[in-house]
Each structure stands twice: as C-alpha cells, then as structure tokens.
Protein backbone atom coordinates (compact mmCIF):
# COMPACT_ATOMS: atom_id res chain seq x y z
CA MET A 1 75.56 61.23 75.16
CA SER A 2 76.54 58.23 73.09
CA SER A 3 79.68 56.21 72.77
CA SER A 4 80.80 53.03 71.10
CA TRP A 5 83.78 52.23 73.28
CA PRO A 6 83.08 49.79 74.79
CA SER A 7 80.04 48.81 72.72
CA THR A 8 76.67 48.49 74.38
CA SER A 9 76.68 44.72 74.52
CA ALA A 10 77.26 43.19 77.93
CA GLU A 11 80.25 41.27 76.67
CA SER A 12 81.95 44.36 75.25
CA GLU A 13 81.16 46.49 78.29
CA SER A 14 82.83 43.95 80.55
CA PHE A 15 85.87 43.64 78.28
CA PHE A 16 88.21 45.54 80.59
CA ALA A 17 86.55 44.27 83.77
CA ARG A 18 87.14 40.65 82.76
CA ARG A 19 90.80 41.46 82.13
CA ARG A 20 91.34 43.71 85.10
CA TRP A 21 94.22 41.61 86.43
CA VAL A 22 96.01 42.15 83.11
CA LEU A 23 95.36 45.88 83.23
CA LEU A 24 96.58 46.10 86.80
CA ALA A 25 99.74 44.32 85.70
CA LEU A 26 100.11 46.99 83.03
CA VAL A 27 100.11 49.63 85.74
CA VAL A 28 102.06 48.06 88.61
CA VAL A 29 104.84 46.47 86.56
CA PRO A 30 105.52 49.50 84.33
CA VAL A 31 105.55 51.84 87.33
CA ALA A 32 108.03 49.54 89.10
CA VAL A 33 110.27 49.48 86.03
CA PHE A 34 109.98 53.26 85.72
CA ALA A 35 111.05 53.66 89.34
CA TYR A 36 114.09 51.45 88.73
CA VAL A 37 115.09 53.26 85.54
CA THR A 38 114.65 56.61 87.30
CA SER A 39 116.97 55.47 90.09
CA LEU A 40 119.62 54.67 87.47
CA VAL A 41 119.15 58.05 85.81
CA VAL A 42 119.34 60.01 89.06
CA ARG A 43 122.58 58.21 89.99
CA ASP A 44 124.04 58.62 86.48
CA ALA A 45 124.49 54.87 86.46
CA SER A 46 123.28 54.46 82.88
CA GLN A 47 125.04 57.35 81.16
CA LEU A 48 127.87 55.36 79.56
CA TRP A 49 125.51 52.63 78.36
CA ASP A 50 123.08 55.21 76.98
CA GLU A 51 125.75 56.92 74.90
CA ARG A 52 127.07 53.61 73.58
CA VAL A 53 123.60 52.59 72.42
CA ILE A 54 123.03 55.90 70.64
CA SER A 55 126.39 55.74 68.87
CA GLY A 56 125.82 52.10 67.99
CA ILE A 57 122.53 52.58 66.15
CA GLN A 58 123.29 55.83 64.35
CA ASP A 59 124.22 55.99 60.68
CA GLU A 60 125.23 59.60 60.27
CA GLY A 61 126.13 59.13 56.61
CA ASN A 62 122.61 58.02 55.68
CA SER A 63 120.85 61.31 54.99
CA VAL A 64 117.69 59.59 53.75
CA LEU A 65 117.26 57.65 56.97
CA ARG A 66 117.94 60.81 58.95
CA ARG A 67 115.14 62.65 57.11
CA VAL A 68 112.79 59.72 57.67
CA MET A 69 113.58 59.70 61.37
CA LEU A 70 113.02 63.46 61.56
CA PHE A 71 109.62 63.08 59.92
CA ILE A 72 108.63 60.27 62.28
CA THR A 73 109.85 62.14 65.34
CA ASP A 74 107.84 65.23 64.34
CA THR A 75 104.63 63.18 64.47
CA GLY A 76 105.38 62.53 68.13
CA GLY A 77 105.95 66.15 69.11
CA VAL A 78 103.95 69.17 68.06
CA GLY A 79 102.78 67.07 65.14
CA ARG A 80 100.64 65.02 67.55
CA ALA A 81 98.15 67.88 67.46
CA VAL A 82 97.16 66.92 63.92
CA PRO A 83 95.96 63.34 64.58
CA ILE A 84 94.42 64.44 67.88
CA ALA A 85 92.41 67.16 66.12
CA ILE A 86 91.32 64.76 63.37
CA VAL A 87 90.28 62.03 65.80
CA LEU A 88 88.44 64.47 68.06
CA ALA A 89 86.57 65.90 65.08
CA LEU A 90 85.60 62.37 64.05
CA PHE A 91 84.45 61.50 67.56
CA LEU A 92 82.34 64.62 67.84
CA TRP A 93 80.87 64.11 64.38
CA LYS A 94 79.91 60.54 65.32
CA ARG A 95 78.65 61.76 68.72
CA LEU A 96 81.21 59.62 70.53
CA HIS A 97 81.50 62.12 73.36
CA ARG A 98 82.92 59.76 75.96
CA ASP A 99 85.63 58.69 73.58
CA ALA A 100 86.50 62.32 72.90
CA VAL A 101 86.69 63.20 76.59
CA THR A 102 88.79 60.10 77.29
CA LEU A 103 91.27 60.98 74.55
CA VAL A 104 91.62 64.56 75.78
CA ALA A 105 92.09 63.40 79.37
CA ALA A 106 94.73 60.88 78.30
CA ALA A 107 96.64 63.44 76.21
CA VAL A 108 96.52 66.23 78.81
CA GLY A 109 97.50 63.83 81.58
CA ALA A 110 100.47 62.61 79.55
CA GLN A 111 101.68 66.17 79.08
CA LEU A 112 101.35 66.98 82.78
CA ILE A 113 103.19 63.81 83.76
CA THR A 114 105.99 64.60 81.31
CA GLN A 115 106.51 68.15 82.55
CA THR A 116 106.35 67.10 86.19
CA PHE A 117 109.10 64.50 85.91
CA LYS A 118 111.22 66.67 83.63
CA SER A 119 111.21 69.32 86.36
CA LEU A 120 111.86 66.83 89.16
CA VAL A 121 114.70 64.90 87.49
CA GLY A 122 116.26 67.69 85.42
CA ARG A 123 118.42 65.39 83.31
CA ALA A 124 120.60 66.93 80.62
CA ARG A 125 120.23 65.94 76.99
CA PRO A 126 122.80 63.65 75.34
CA PRO A 127 126.07 65.34 74.32
CA LEU A 128 125.77 67.54 71.24
CA ASP A 129 128.37 65.52 69.35
CA ILE A 130 126.01 62.53 69.20
CA GLN A 131 122.88 64.50 68.31
CA ILE A 132 122.15 64.37 64.58
CA GLY A 133 118.67 65.80 64.59
CA ARG A 134 117.45 68.99 66.16
CA PHE A 135 118.97 70.22 69.41
CA PRO A 136 116.34 70.50 72.16
CA THR A 137 117.39 72.22 75.36
CA ASP A 138 114.67 71.23 77.84
CA PRO A 139 115.28 68.40 80.36
CA SER A 140 115.70 64.99 78.80
CA TYR A 141 113.90 62.66 81.21
CA PRO A 142 111.31 61.49 80.38
CA SER A 143 110.81 61.87 76.64
CA GLY A 144 107.66 63.82 75.88
CA HIS A 145 107.64 62.47 72.34
CA ALA A 146 107.81 58.85 73.49
CA LEU A 147 105.34 59.21 76.35
CA GLY A 148 102.86 61.28 74.36
CA SER A 149 103.03 58.96 71.36
CA THR A 150 102.57 55.89 73.54
CA VAL A 151 99.39 57.42 74.92
CA LEU A 152 98.02 58.87 71.68
CA TYR A 153 98.83 56.07 69.25
CA GLY A 154 98.26 53.47 71.94
CA PHE A 155 94.79 54.89 72.49
CA LEU A 156 94.10 54.71 68.77
CA ALA A 157 95.48 51.16 68.58
CA VAL A 158 93.09 49.94 71.29
CA TRP A 159 90.16 51.90 69.86
CA LEU A 160 90.73 50.48 66.38
CA TRP A 161 91.41 46.94 67.59
CA ARG A 162 88.13 46.87 69.51
CA ARG A 163 86.27 47.68 66.31
CA GLY A 164 87.93 44.99 64.26
CA HIS A 165 90.37 47.27 62.42
CA ARG A 166 93.29 45.06 63.32
CA ILE A 167 95.74 46.17 60.63
CA ALA A 168 95.21 49.87 61.40
CA ALA A 169 95.57 49.12 65.12
CA VAL A 170 98.89 47.36 64.59
CA ILE A 171 100.13 50.25 62.44
CA ALA A 172 99.23 52.71 65.21
CA GLY A 173 101.16 50.63 67.74
CA ILE A 174 104.17 50.31 65.45
CA TRP A 175 104.14 54.06 64.83
CA ALA A 176 104.37 54.75 68.56
CA ALA A 177 107.40 52.45 68.71
CA LEU A 178 108.99 54.18 65.71
CA VAL A 179 108.62 57.59 67.34
CA SER A 180 110.38 56.27 70.43
CA PHE A 181 113.17 54.75 68.33
CA SER A 182 113.62 57.98 66.39
CA ARG A 183 114.32 59.91 69.59
CA VAL A 184 117.25 57.62 70.37
CA TYR A 185 118.47 57.40 66.78
CA LEU A 186 118.61 61.19 66.45
CA GLY A 187 120.43 61.48 69.76
CA SER A 188 117.68 63.68 71.17
CA HIS A 189 117.15 61.31 74.09
CA HIS A 190 119.01 58.70 76.05
CA PRO A 191 117.63 55.15 75.65
CA THR A 192 116.71 55.18 79.34
CA ASP A 193 114.67 58.36 78.74
CA VAL A 194 112.59 56.41 76.25
CA MET A 195 112.38 53.31 78.45
CA GLY A 196 111.02 55.33 81.35
CA SER A 197 108.61 57.15 79.06
CA LEU A 198 107.21 53.93 77.61
CA CYS A 199 106.59 52.61 81.11
CA LEU A 200 104.82 55.79 82.19
CA GLY A 201 102.82 55.90 78.99
CA VAL A 202 101.57 52.33 79.33
CA ALA A 203 100.72 52.81 83.01
CA TRP A 204 98.87 56.09 82.41
CA LEU A 205 96.93 54.82 79.40
CA THR A 206 95.91 51.70 81.30
CA THR A 207 94.78 53.85 84.22
CA VAL A 208 92.64 55.91 81.86
CA PHE A 209 91.05 52.71 80.55
CA LEU A 210 90.33 51.48 84.06
CA VAL A 211 88.67 54.74 85.06
CA TYR A 212 86.64 54.79 81.87
CA ASP A 213 85.53 51.19 82.36
CA GLU A 214 84.46 51.89 85.92
CA PHE A 215 82.48 54.92 84.80
CA VAL A 216 80.67 52.90 82.12
CA ARG A 217 80.01 50.04 84.54
CA ARG A 218 78.44 52.32 87.13
CA LYS A 219 76.39 54.17 84.55
CA HIS A 220 74.90 50.98 83.20
CA ALA A 221 74.37 49.62 86.72
CA THR A 222 72.14 52.58 87.56
CA ARG A 223 69.98 52.30 84.45
CA PRO A 224 67.77 49.45 85.73
CA LEU A 225 67.16 51.39 88.95
CA GLU A 226 66.23 54.53 87.01
CA GLN A 227 63.88 52.56 84.77
CA ALA A 228 62.28 50.83 87.78
CA ALA A 229 61.69 54.20 89.41
CA LEU A 230 59.78 55.30 86.33
C-alpha cells in the first residue's frame, strides 16, 4: 500500500510531528471557541446579533449575486460528493490508499459530528423573512455545509500545498470560506452557526492529521525491526 502524503523522506514524514504544538493549538483553541459559541447559542444570547449580520450583508436586489451564492453553497452540500468522488478516484488510480482512507474518514467523521450536534442543540433556522435562498428545515447548528466544506476543501488545501501546488491549495481554502459565507448571505444559517462549524471543522481535520501522522510514524519505526529480523 503506497502513499505520498507525507512523502517518504524523513523530513516530510516528520512534517506534522515537528509542528505538533501548532496542530494541538488547532484542536484545543477551536474546541474552546466552539464551546463558547455553543453556550451563546443555547442561551439565545446571539440571536439579535446574528439576524443583524445577515440583514447587513444581504443584497436581495442583486439576482446575479444570489445565483452565484446558490452555486457556491451547493458545492458545500450534496455537491461535495462530486469532488470527493473525483479525488478518491484519483487517489485509487495513483495507488494512494492511505490518502483515500484518510479523506473518507475525515468526511464521514464530519458528517457524524454535524448530525450529533444538530440533534443535541436543536437550534431553529433564521426567520423565513431573511432567507433568500432555499428553505432548509433541519436544525441550524452547526452548519453541515460549513463544517463539511472546511474538512473537504481544507484537506485538499493541505494535500495540494504539501506537493507544491500552492495556488490550487489557496483556491481550495478560499472556496471553503466562500461556502461558509454563502450560508450566512442566503440566510440559511446564523453567523454563529458558521463560526461554530469552522471551529469544529478545523479541530476535526487537525485530529485526522495527527492520527495519520502517528500511524505513519509507527509504521516506519517498525520497518528497521522487520528488516533486521529478516
């Protein structure tokens, strides 16, 4: 089973290990912020601010911008299946099996996290009079579009960046941010829904990276022992 993330060089394999304190910060801090935002949501302490932000950024008379936002938001919902399928096919074709498994684990985990907190918090969507997109009826917190896009496009951004495709990596990161913005612009989510989702997405994706790095480290640590035994 082969993989190119991290690459087989010692420097690349230790990429995450050498930055573990940064990665831990990307788990602990986002989770703490998520907990704070959740406390505001549960107490309805952010409702007025949320609605003001939505109304402040909307331009209901701009039908072109509305269509653009709808297109962007669709790439963060069911539309995520398309890039996932394409990337998985590419990974399998290139025999990057670990990368494929990591992507699937990240995506499935993001979906489970989303549904769990939606059920626990049970927050209502923004009022219908400030929704200018579609009208979802499931719980609002957290945003599945924002969390899922953070994980998917964030994964692609890191994967591309590590291989020197810097422009493509930046585009992937920007696209994740645009999906999140579109959810607020269309009134489908409160801003705090998106804030909490971004925090969870960053924390979960970082956790996936840490687990992957540890797996690779242990696998390579056992190779000299296996070779010596031979």
